[in-house]
Amino acid sequence: MSTSLTSAQKRYLRGLAHELKPVILVGGKGLTDGLVAETLSALEIHELIKVKVAAEDREARDQLIGSLAESAGATLVTRIGNVAVLFRARAEQPLIALPR
């Protein structure tokens, strides 16, 4: 369900996400059903969200972020350190108009 984004679209979304604060915080319990549900809810409301992951290991962070994006049907825009930006456009009345 995730869409592939062009480099121009990713650059545009990174610019929009710059001012955002993380709305999803992944703690020690990792990926749970409640976390996925909250991510789905946040994506439906905002379309573009930041996720902060508290995993120490880089590979564990990458796997957790990838699994969360896949479970939510979102596209990973970027990941810097322990913060990732996810995007999923609404089916009806999208808030963000992507450049071509």
N, C-alpha and C. Protein backbone atom coordinates (compact mmCIF):
# COMPACT_ATOMS: atom_id res chain seq x y z
N MET A 1 0.82 -1.19 0.00
CA MET A 1 0.00 0.00 0.00
C MET A 1 0.87 1.26 0.00
N SER A 2 2.12 1.14 0.40
CA SER A 2 2.97 2.32 0.40
C SER A 2 3.31 2.69 -1.04
N THR A 3 3.45 3.96 -1.27
CA THR A 3 3.75 4.44 -2.61
C THR A 3 5.21 4.81 -2.71
N SER A 4 5.74 4.71 -3.92
CA SER A 4 7.12 5.14 -4.11
C SER A 4 7.11 6.64 -4.40
N LEU A 5 8.05 7.33 -3.81
CA LEU A 5 8.14 8.78 -3.96
C LEU A 5 9.36 9.13 -4.78
N THR A 6 9.23 10.17 -5.59
CA THR A 6 10.38 10.67 -6.33
C THR A 6 11.28 11.46 -5.37
N SER A 7 12.49 11.75 -5.82
CA SER A 7 13.40 12.50 -4.96
C SER A 7 12.87 13.91 -4.69
N ALA A 8 12.19 14.51 -5.67
CA ALA A 8 11.61 15.84 -5.46
C ALA A 8 10.49 15.79 -4.42
N GLN A 9 9.69 14.74 -4.46
CA GLN A 9 8.61 14.59 -3.48
C GLN A 9 9.18 14.36 -2.09
N LYS A 10 10.22 13.54 -1.98
CA LYS A 10 10.85 13.32 -0.68
C LYS A 10 11.45 14.61 -0.14
N ARG A 11 12.09 15.38 -0.99
CA ARG A 11 12.68 16.65 -0.57
C ARG A 11 11.59 17.60 -0.06
N TYR A 12 10.47 17.64 -0.77
CA TYR A 12 9.33 18.48 -0.36
C TYR A 12 8.79 18.03 1.00
N LEU A 13 8.63 16.74 1.19
CA LEU A 13 8.11 16.21 2.46
C LEU A 13 9.09 16.42 3.61
N ARG A 14 10.39 16.29 3.33
CA ARG A 14 11.39 16.57 4.37
C ARG A 14 11.30 18.03 4.82
N GLY A 15 11.08 18.93 3.87
CA GLY A 15 10.91 20.34 4.22
C GLY A 15 9.69 20.58 5.10
N LEU A 16 8.60 19.90 4.79
CA LEU A 16 7.39 20.03 5.60
C LEU A 16 7.59 19.43 6.99
N ALA A 17 8.34 18.34 7.06
CA ALA A 17 8.52 17.63 8.32
C ALA A 17 9.53 18.30 9.24
N HIS A 18 10.30 19.21 8.72
CA HIS A 18 11.37 19.83 9.51
C HIS A 18 10.86 20.43 10.81
N GLU A 19 9.73 21.09 10.78
CA GLU A 19 9.17 21.77 11.96
C GLU A 19 8.36 20.86 12.87
N LEU A 20 8.08 19.63 12.43
CA LEU A 20 7.23 18.73 13.21
C LEU A 20 7.95 18.17 14.42
N LYS A 21 7.20 17.89 15.44
CA LYS A 21 7.67 17.18 16.63
C LYS A 21 7.25 15.72 16.48
N PRO A 22 8.01 14.78 17.06
CA PRO A 22 7.60 13.37 17.00
C PRO A 22 6.25 13.15 17.69
N VAL A 23 5.34 12.47 17.00
CA VAL A 23 4.03 12.18 17.57
C VAL A 23 3.94 10.73 18.02
N ILE A 24 4.83 9.88 17.54
CA ILE A 24 4.87 8.49 17.95
C ILE A 24 6.23 8.23 18.58
N LEU A 25 6.22 7.72 19.81
CA LEU A 25 7.46 7.38 20.51
C LEU A 25 7.49 5.88 20.74
N VAL A 26 8.48 5.21 20.18
CA VAL A 26 8.61 3.77 20.31
C VAL A 26 9.55 3.49 21.47
N GLY A 27 9.05 2.81 22.48
CA GLY A 27 9.84 2.53 23.68
C GLY A 27 10.41 1.13 23.69
N GLY A 28 10.64 0.64 24.89
CA GLY A 28 11.27 -0.65 25.09
C GLY A 28 10.45 -1.84 24.65
N LYS A 29 9.15 -1.69 24.60
CA LYS A 29 8.29 -2.81 24.21
C LYS A 29 8.33 -3.07 22.71
N GLY A 30 8.84 -2.11 21.95
CA GLY A 30 8.96 -2.31 20.51
C GLY A 30 7.64 -2.14 19.79
N LEU A 31 7.47 -2.91 18.74
CA LEU A 31 6.30 -2.81 17.87
C LEU A 31 5.14 -3.64 18.45
N THR A 32 4.10 -2.95 18.91
CA THR A 32 2.93 -3.61 19.47
C THR A 32 1.71 -3.25 18.64
N ASP A 33 0.61 -3.96 18.87
CA ASP A 33 -0.63 -3.66 18.16
C ASP A 33 -1.12 -2.25 18.47
N GLY A 34 -0.97 -1.82 19.72
CA GLY A 34 -1.38 -0.48 20.12
C GLY A 34 -0.56 0.60 19.42
N LEU A 35 0.73 0.35 19.26
CA LEU A 35 1.61 1.30 18.57
C LEU A 35 1.22 1.42 17.10
N VAL A 36 0.94 0.31 16.47
CA VAL A 36 0.51 0.33 15.06
C VAL A 36 -0.82 1.07 14.93
N ALA A 37 -1.74 0.83 15.86
CA ALA A 37 -3.04 1.51 15.82
C ALA A 37 -2.88 3.02 15.98
N GLU A 38 -2.02 3.44 16.90
CA GLU A 38 -1.76 4.88 17.09
C GLU A 38 -1.11 5.49 15.86
N THR A 39 -0.21 4.75 15.23
CA THR A 39 0.45 5.23 14.01
C THR A 39 -0.58 5.39 12.89
N LEU A 40 -1.45 4.42 12.74
CA LEU A 40 -2.51 4.52 11.72
C LEU A 40 -3.39 5.73 11.96
N SER A 41 -3.75 5.95 13.21
CA SER A 41 -4.58 7.09 13.58
C SER A 41 -3.87 8.41 13.28
N ALA A 42 -2.60 8.49 13.66
CA ALA A 42 -1.83 9.72 13.43
C ALA A 42 -1.65 9.99 11.94
N LEU A 43 -1.42 8.95 11.16
CA LEU A 43 -1.27 9.13 9.72
C LEU A 43 -2.58 9.56 9.07
N GLU A 44 -3.70 9.05 9.56
CA GLU A 44 -5.00 9.44 9.01
C GLU A 44 -5.28 10.91 9.29
N ILE A 45 -4.85 11.40 10.44
CA ILE A 45 -5.09 12.80 10.80
C ILE A 45 -4.09 13.72 10.11
N HIS A 46 -2.79 13.39 10.18
CA HIS A 46 -1.74 14.32 9.74
C HIS A 46 -1.13 14.01 8.38
N GLU A 47 -1.15 12.78 7.94
CA GLU A 47 -0.53 12.28 6.71
C GLU A 47 1.00 12.22 6.79
N LEU A 48 1.63 13.14 7.48
CA LEU A 48 3.09 13.19 7.59
C LEU A 48 3.43 13.27 9.08
N ILE A 49 4.17 12.27 9.58
CA ILE A 49 4.47 12.24 11.01
C ILE A 49 5.94 11.90 11.24
N LYS A 50 6.42 12.29 12.42
CA LYS A 50 7.74 11.88 12.86
C LYS A 50 7.58 10.80 13.93
N VAL A 51 8.47 9.82 13.88
CA VAL A 51 8.48 8.71 14.83
C VAL A 51 9.86 8.68 15.48
N LYS A 52 9.88 8.63 16.80
CA LYS A 52 11.15 8.57 17.53
C LYS A 52 11.29 7.18 18.13
N VAL A 53 12.41 6.53 17.86
CA VAL A 53 12.65 5.16 18.28
C VAL A 53 13.75 5.14 19.34
N ALA A 54 13.52 4.43 20.43
CA ALA A 54 14.47 4.39 21.54
C ALA A 54 15.39 3.18 21.50
N ALA A 55 15.52 2.51 20.37
CA ALA A 55 16.40 1.34 20.28
C ALA A 55 17.85 1.78 20.19
N GLU A 56 18.73 1.08 20.88
CA GLU A 56 20.15 1.41 20.90
C GLU A 56 20.86 0.97 19.62
N ASP A 57 20.54 -0.21 19.15
CA ASP A 57 21.21 -0.81 18.01
C ASP A 57 20.67 -0.24 16.69
N ARG A 58 21.56 0.13 15.80
CA ARG A 58 21.16 0.73 14.52
C ARG A 58 20.33 -0.23 13.67
N GLU A 59 20.74 -1.48 13.60
CA GLU A 59 20.01 -2.47 12.81
C GLU A 59 18.61 -2.70 13.39
N ALA A 60 18.52 -2.72 14.71
CA ALA A 60 17.22 -2.89 15.37
C ALA A 60 16.30 -1.70 15.06
N ARG A 61 16.86 -0.49 15.08
CA ARG A 61 16.08 0.71 14.74
C ARG A 61 15.58 0.63 13.31
N ASP A 62 16.47 0.28 12.37
CA ASP A 62 16.08 0.19 10.97
C ASP A 62 14.98 -0.84 10.75
N GLN A 63 15.12 -1.99 11.40
CA GLN A 63 14.11 -3.04 11.27
C GLN A 63 12.78 -2.60 11.87
N LEU A 64 12.82 -1.97 13.04
CA LEU A 64 11.61 -1.52 13.70
C LEU A 64 10.88 -0.46 12.87
N ILE A 65 11.63 0.50 12.33
CA ILE A 65 11.03 1.55 11.51
C ILE A 65 10.44 0.96 10.23
N GLY A 66 11.17 0.04 9.60
CA GLY A 66 10.66 -0.62 8.40
C GLY A 66 9.40 -1.41 8.66
N SER A 67 9.38 -2.14 9.77
CA SER A 67 8.19 -2.93 10.13
C SER A 67 7.00 -2.03 10.44
N LEU A 68 7.25 -0.92 11.13
CA LEU A 68 6.17 0.00 11.45
C LEU A 68 5.60 0.63 10.18
N ALA A 69 6.48 1.05 9.27
CA ALA A 69 6.02 1.65 8.01
C ALA A 69 5.21 0.64 7.20
N GLU A 70 5.68 -0.59 7.14
CA GLU A 70 4.97 -1.62 6.40
C GLU A 70 3.62 -1.94 7.03
N SER A 71 3.58 -2.04 8.36
CA SER A 71 2.33 -2.34 9.06
C SER A 71 1.31 -1.23 8.88
N ALA A 72 1.78 0.01 8.80
CA ALA A 72 0.87 1.16 8.66
C ALA A 72 0.58 1.49 7.21
N GLY A 73 1.23 0.81 6.27
CA GLY A 73 1.03 1.11 4.86
C GLY A 73 1.58 2.48 4.49
N ALA A 74 2.63 2.90 5.18
CA ALA A 74 3.21 4.22 4.97
C ALA A 74 4.54 4.10 4.23
N THR A 75 5.00 5.22 3.73
CA THR A 75 6.29 5.30 3.05
C THR A 75 7.29 6.00 3.95
N LEU A 76 8.46 5.43 4.06
CA LEU A 76 9.53 6.05 4.82
C LEU A 76 10.14 7.15 3.97
N VAL A 77 10.01 8.39 4.44
CA VAL A 77 10.55 9.54 3.71
C VAL A 77 12.04 9.68 4.01
N THR A 78 12.39 9.66 5.28
CA THR A 78 13.79 9.77 5.70
C THR A 78 13.94 9.27 7.11
N ARG A 79 15.19 8.94 7.45
CA ARG A 79 15.53 8.56 8.82
C ARG A 79 16.85 9.19 9.15
N ILE A 80 16.87 9.94 10.23
CA ILE A 80 18.10 10.55 10.72
C ILE A 80 18.24 10.17 12.19
N GLY A 81 19.26 9.40 12.49
CA GLY A 81 19.46 8.95 13.86
C GLY A 81 18.31 8.08 14.32
N ASN A 82 17.67 8.48 15.40
CA ASN A 82 16.55 7.69 15.93
C ASN A 82 15.19 8.30 15.58
N VAL A 83 15.15 9.21 14.62
CA VAL A 83 13.89 9.83 14.21
C VAL A 83 13.63 9.51 12.74
N ALA A 84 12.42 9.03 12.45
CA ALA A 84 12.02 8.72 11.09
C ALA A 84 10.80 9.55 10.72
N VAL A 85 10.64 9.82 9.44
CA VAL A 85 9.48 10.54 8.93
C VAL A 85 8.70 9.59 8.04
N LEU A 86 7.41 9.41 8.35
CA LEU A 86 6.53 8.54 7.59
C LEU A 86 5.45 9.36 6.90
N PHE A 87 5.06 8.92 5.70
CA PHE A 87 4.01 9.60 4.95
C PHE A 87 3.03 8.58 4.40
N ARG A 88 1.75 8.90 4.52
CA ARG A 88 0.69 8.13 3.87
C ARG A 88 -0.43 9.09 3.56
N ALA A 89 -0.73 9.26 2.28
CA ALA A 89 -1.78 10.18 1.85
C ALA A 89 -3.15 9.60 2.19
N ARG A 90 -4.05 10.48 2.51
CA ARG A 90 -5.43 10.06 2.75
C ARG A 90 -6.07 9.62 1.43
N ALA A 91 -7.00 8.71 1.52
CA ALA A 91 -7.72 8.28 0.33
C ALA A 91 -8.68 9.38 -0.14
N GLU A 92 -9.32 10.05 0.81
CA GLU A 92 -10.24 11.14 0.50
C GLU A 92 -9.73 12.43 1.13
N GLN A 93 -9.81 13.50 0.40
CA GLN A 93 -9.41 14.84 0.85
C GLN A 93 -8.01 14.89 1.44
N PRO A 94 -7.00 14.60 0.61
CA PRO A 94 -5.62 14.67 1.13
C PRO A 94 -5.23 16.07 1.53
N LEU A 95 -4.45 16.18 2.59
CA LEU A 95 -3.99 17.48 3.09
C LEU A 95 -2.76 17.98 2.33
N ILE A 96 -1.91 17.06 1.93
CA ILE A 96 -0.63 17.42 1.30
C ILE A 96 -0.70 17.10 -0.19
N ALA A 97 -0.47 18.13 -1.00
CA ALA A 97 -0.40 17.94 -2.45
C ALA A 97 1.06 17.79 -2.83
N LEU A 98 1.41 16.61 -3.30
CA LEU A 98 2.79 16.33 -3.66
C LEU A 98 3.13 16.95 -5.02
N PRO A 99 4.36 17.47 -5.17
CA PRO A 99 4.78 17.95 -6.49
C PRO A 99 4.99 16.75 -7.43
N ARG A 100 4.94 17.00 -8.71
CA ARG A 100 5.11 15.91 -9.68
C ARG A 100 6.54 15.59 -9.91
